[in-house]
Protein backbone atom coordinates (compact mmCIF):
# COMPACT_ATOMS: atom_id res chain seq x y z
CA MET A 1 -13.41 -13.61 6.35
CA ASN A 2 -15.35 -15.61 3.78
CA SER A 3 -13.70 -17.05 0.69
CA SER A 4 -14.99 -14.32 -1.62
CA GLU A 5 -13.93 -11.44 0.63
CA GLU A 6 -10.65 -9.65 0.04
CA TYR A 7 -8.68 -9.24 3.24
CA ASP A 8 -7.83 -5.56 2.72
CA VAL A 9 -11.56 -4.69 2.82
CA SER A 10 -12.62 -7.33 5.34
CA THR A 11 -14.33 -6.55 8.63
CA GLU A 12 -11.01 -6.94 10.46
CA ALA A 13 -9.29 -4.60 8.00
CA TRP A 14 -11.84 -1.84 8.59
CA GLN A 15 -11.33 -2.24 12.35
CA ILE A 16 -7.62 -1.65 11.81
CA TYR A 17 -8.17 1.40 9.58
CA ARG A 18 -10.65 2.81 12.09
CA ALA A 19 -8.02 2.59 14.82
CA ILE A 20 -4.77 3.63 13.12
CA TYR A 21 -6.32 6.52 11.20
CA ARG A 22 -8.63 7.61 14.01
CA LYS A 23 -7.05 11.10 14.13
CA ASN A 24 -7.49 11.54 10.39
CA ILE A 25 -10.76 9.98 9.36
CA LYS A 26 -13.72 8.84 11.44
CA ILE A 27 -15.08 5.52 10.18
CA THR A 28 -18.25 3.93 11.49
CA ASP A 29 -19.92 0.76 10.26
CA ALA A 30 -22.62 2.93 8.69
CA ASP A 31 -19.97 4.81 6.66
CA ILE A 32 -18.77 1.70 4.82
CA HIS A 33 -20.43 1.33 1.41
CA ALA A 34 -20.33 -2.39 0.70
CA LYS A 35 -23.33 -3.23 -1.46
CA LYS A 36 -21.65 -2.93 -4.84
CA GLY A 37 -17.99 -3.39 -5.78
CA ARG A 38 -15.14 -3.00 -3.31
CA PRO A 39 -16.21 -1.50 0.04
CA PHE A 40 -15.22 2.13 0.57
CA VAL A 41 -15.90 5.18 2.73
CA ALA A 42 -16.50 8.67 1.36
CA LYS A 43 -14.80 11.05 3.77
CA ALA A 44 -12.47 14.02 4.11
CA PHE A 45 -8.99 13.17 5.44
CA LYS A 46 -7.77 15.46 8.22
CA TYR A 47 -4.18 16.20 9.13
CA LYS A 48 -2.50 19.02 11.07
CA GLY A 49 -5.61 21.17 11.14
CA LYS A 50 -6.25 20.81 7.42
CA GLU A 51 -8.57 18.51 5.55
CA SER A 52 -8.99 17.21 2.03
CA GLU A 53 -12.07 17.34 -0.08
CA ILE A 54 -14.33 14.31 0.30
CA LEU A 55 -12.74 11.29 -1.39
CA LYS A 56 -13.58 7.62 -1.59
CA PHE A 57 -11.09 5.54 0.42
CA SER A 58 -10.74 1.77 0.29
CA GLY A 59 -8.29 -0.80 1.57
CA GLU A 60 -5.12 -1.78 -0.25
CA THR A 61 -2.57 -4.57 0.17
CA ASP A 62 0.90 -3.08 0.61
CA PHE A 63 3.38 -5.77 -0.53
CA ASN A 64 2.07 -8.32 -3.01
CA PHE A 65 3.52 -11.83 -2.70
CA SER A 66 0.34 -13.57 -3.82
CA LYS A 67 0.32 -17.06 -5.34
CA LYS A 68 -2.67 -16.11 -7.48
CA LYS A 69 -1.90 -15.91 -11.19
CA VAL A 70 -1.97 -12.32 -12.50
CA PHE A 71 -4.16 -11.78 -15.57
CA GLY A 72 -1.97 -11.00 -18.57
CA TYR A 73 1.19 -11.82 -16.60
CA GLY A 74 1.18 -15.60 -16.97
CA ARG A 75 2.13 -16.41 -13.39
CA SER A 76 1.74 -15.23 -9.82
CA ARG A 77 4.05 -12.68 -8.26
CA TYR A 78 5.27 -15.39 -5.88
CA ASP A 79 6.20 -17.58 -8.87
CA HIS A 80 7.85 -14.61 -10.59
CA TYR A 81 10.16 -14.04 -7.63
CA LYS A 82 10.78 -17.80 -7.46
CA VAL A 83 11.87 -17.83 -11.12
CA VAL A 84 14.14 -14.80 -10.65
CA LEU A 85 15.74 -16.45 -7.62
CA GLY A 86 16.58 -19.43 -9.83
CA GLU A 87 19.11 -21.75 -8.22
CA ASN A 88 19.02 -19.55 -5.10
CA PHE A 89 15.38 -20.47 -4.47
CA PRO A 90 16.00 -23.45 -2.15
CA GLU A 91 18.00 -21.33 0.32
CA CYS A 92 15.49 -18.45 0.04
CA GLU A 93 12.29 -20.49 0.03
CA CYS A 94 11.64 -19.96 3.75
CA ILE A 95 11.79 -16.16 3.54
CA LEU A 96 9.68 -16.08 0.34
CA GLU A 97 7.10 -18.31 2.02
CA GLU A 98 7.20 -16.00 5.05
CA CYS A 99 6.45 -13.07 2.76
CA TYR A 100 3.56 -14.97 1.19
CA ASN A 101 2.14 -15.74 4.63
CA LYS A 102 2.21 -12.02 5.44
CA PHE A 103 0.21 -11.20 2.29
CA HIS A 104 -3.10 -11.26 4.17
CA SER A 105 -2.00 -9.76 7.47
CA GLN A 106 -2.71 -6.72 9.60
CA GLU A 107 0.78 -5.37 8.88
CA ASN A 108 0.26 -5.48 5.11
CA ILE A 109 -2.81 -3.30 4.56
CA SER A 110 -3.43 0.45 4.43
CA ILE A 111 -6.03 2.83 3.03
CA LEU A 112 -5.66 4.39 -0.40
CA PRO A 113 -7.99 6.73 -2.29
CA GLN A 114 -10.25 5.24 -4.94
CA THR A 115 -10.89 8.80 -6.05
CA GLY A 116 -8.08 9.53 -8.49
CA ASN A 117 -7.42 5.80 -8.98
CA LEU A 118 -4.25 5.59 -6.89
CA GLN A 119 -4.81 1.85 -6.65
CA LEU A 120 -4.45 1.63 -10.44
CA VAL A 121 -1.31 3.77 -10.25
CA LYS A 122 0.22 1.32 -7.76
CA LYS A 123 -0.71 -1.66 -9.92
CA GLY A 124 0.39 -0.01 -13.15
CA ILE A 125 3.79 1.23 -11.97
CA GLY A 126 6.14 -1.59 -11.06
CA ASN A 127 3.42 -4.25 -11.26
CA ASP A 128 1.92 -3.58 -7.82
CA ARG A 129 5.19 -2.95 -6.00
CA LEU A 130 4.93 -0.68 -2.96
CA ASP A 131 8.50 0.56 -3.39
CA ALA A 132 7.78 1.68 -6.97
CA PHE A 133 4.62 3.44 -5.79
CA ILE A 134 6.58 5.31 -3.10
CA TRP A 135 9.28 6.22 -5.64
CA CYS A 136 6.51 7.63 -7.86
CA LEU A 137 5.00 9.49 -4.92
CA ASN A 138 8.37 11.03 -4.11
CA ALA A 139 8.72 12.25 -7.70
CA PHE A 140 5.31 13.89 -7.37
CA TYR A 141 6.29 15.78 -4.23
CA GLN A 142 9.59 16.85 -5.79
CA GLU A 143 7.70 18.03 -8.89
CA GLN A 144 9.67 15.66 -11.08
CA GLY A 145 6.67 14.03 -12.73
CA ASN A 146 2.92 13.51 -12.56
CA LEU A 147 2.67 9.74 -12.82
CA MET A 148 0.52 9.89 -9.69
CA LEU A 149 -2.18 11.56 -11.78
CA ASN A 150 -1.94 9.13 -14.74
CA PHE A 151 -5.26 7.42 -14.01
CA CYS A 152 -7.03 10.43 -12.53
CA SER A 153 -9.91 11.99 -14.43
CA ALA A 154 -10.08 15.76 -14.80
CA ASP A 155 -13.09 15.79 -12.47
CA ASN A 156 -11.07 14.25 -9.64
CA ILE A 157 -7.72 16.05 -9.90
CA ASN A 158 -8.59 18.78 -7.41
CA ALA A 159 -9.89 16.27 -4.86
CA LEU A 160 -6.82 14.07 -5.18
CA ASN A 161 -4.46 17.04 -4.94
CA SER A 162 -6.28 18.24 -1.84
CA TYR A 163 -5.38 14.92 -0.21
CA LEU A 164 -1.80 14.58 -1.43
CA HIS A 165 -0.95 18.17 -0.50
CA LEU A 166 -1.93 17.62 3.11
CA PHE A 167 1.59 16.19 3.41
CA SER A 168 4.75 18.20 2.86
CA ASP A 169 6.71 15.32 1.31
CA VAL A 170 6.79 11.58 0.79
CA TYR A 171 8.35 11.02 4.23
CA GLU A 172 5.43 12.66 5.99
CA TYR A 173 2.97 10.73 3.83
CA CYS A 174 4.61 7.39 4.58
CA ASN A 175 4.81 8.12 8.29
CA VAL A 176 1.11 8.96 8.53
CA ILE A 177 -0.27 6.28 6.17
CA TYR A 178 2.16 3.40 6.76
CA GLY A 179 3.72 4.27 10.11
CA ILE A 180 7.28 3.91 8.77
CA ASN A 181 10.29 6.12 9.39
CA LYS A 182 12.37 8.28 7.06
CA GLU A 183 15.24 5.78 6.73
CA LEU A 184 12.97 2.98 5.53
CA THR A 185 11.09 5.35 3.22
CA SER A 186 14.40 6.37 1.61
CA ARG A 187 15.33 2.71 1.08
CA LEU A 188 11.97 2.07 -0.56
CA ILE A 189 12.47 5.03 -2.91
CA VAL A 190 15.89 3.75 -3.98
CA SER A 191 14.52 0.24 -4.50
CA GLY A 192 11.45 1.49 -6.33
CA LYS A 193 13.39 2.91 -9.27
CA GLN A 194 15.13 -0.42 -9.90
CA GLU A 195 13.94 -3.60 -11.59
CA ILE A 196 13.70 -6.79 -9.57
CA ASP A 197 15.69 -8.82 -12.06
CA SER A 198 18.26 -10.73 -10.03
CA PRO A 199 18.37 -12.96 -6.95
CA LYS A 200 20.07 -10.12 -5.05
CA ARG A 201 17.22 -7.75 -5.85
CA VAL A 202 14.54 -10.28 -4.81
CA ILE A 203 16.31 -10.76 -1.48
CA GLU A 204 16.60 -6.98 -1.00
CA TYR A 205 12.90 -6.59 -1.73
CA MET A 206 11.89 -9.33 0.70
CA ASN A 207 14.04 -7.76 3.42
CA LEU A 208 12.43 -4.40 2.76
CA ALA A 209 9.03 -6.01 3.19
CA LYS A 210 10.08 -7.60 6.49
CA ASP A 211 11.39 -4.26 7.80
CA PHE A 212 8.17 -2.58 6.67
CA TRP A 213 6.01 -5.12 8.50
CA GLU A 214 8.08 -4.75 11.67
CA GLN A 215 7.53 -0.98 11.71
CA LYS A 216 3.88 -1.34 10.71
CA ARG A 217 3.34 -3.75 13.62
CA LYS A 218 4.72 -1.14 16.01
CA PHE A 219 2.45 1.44 14.38
CA ILE A 220 -0.60 -0.73 15.00
CA ASP A 221 0.47 -1.57 18.54
CA SER A 222 1.04 2.10 19.33
CA CYS A 223 -2.67 2.62 18.81
CA ARG A 224 -3.21 0.16 21.67
CA ILE A 225 -5.46 -2.10 19.67
CA LYS A 226 -5.62 -5.84 20.08
CA PHE A 227 -6.95 -8.11 17.33
């Protein structure tokens, strides 16, 4: 990966997507549009004998523990969690550093539609927190709100709905896309509706990330791929 390439759309990332979503979306090198902007594929997603309309899919980082300063935020997400940890930081530094080291890893990337701007939804709700995104997704499936469509243009609503409605609920979505089980999905939903405003909450969030990566690793390994 060169210095200007984002890991979630790197050559290695596309190899992972090709393998773990092989039953849902066929991706060849020729399918990847990489000449302008973030690389993407334009494909229908298939699941249980159904398929979505054609959408643009790109890579997405799941948990964000980056040390890169966020525009308009004043500091990196790593530094934000460090500040919230306060005097607890020294005893938690190792686990926070572990989370940072997982930022660009095979276990921390998934595909997400560009069509309908779900990547902007994830960034806009909870400041790029996966748990907040999953909480929002659960609300969508329970018909308790349409935040998932906040950044979707009228032209793309039908296409996005055709993808989201392939899955019966958030648990099915998370199992197919992230390879995680119902218990972990439920914990992410509960966490996602809460602020991360105390040392206890930062520690809970980091432990959620570690449990997520453990299950994601098993998901990748179950596809019998070696990188």
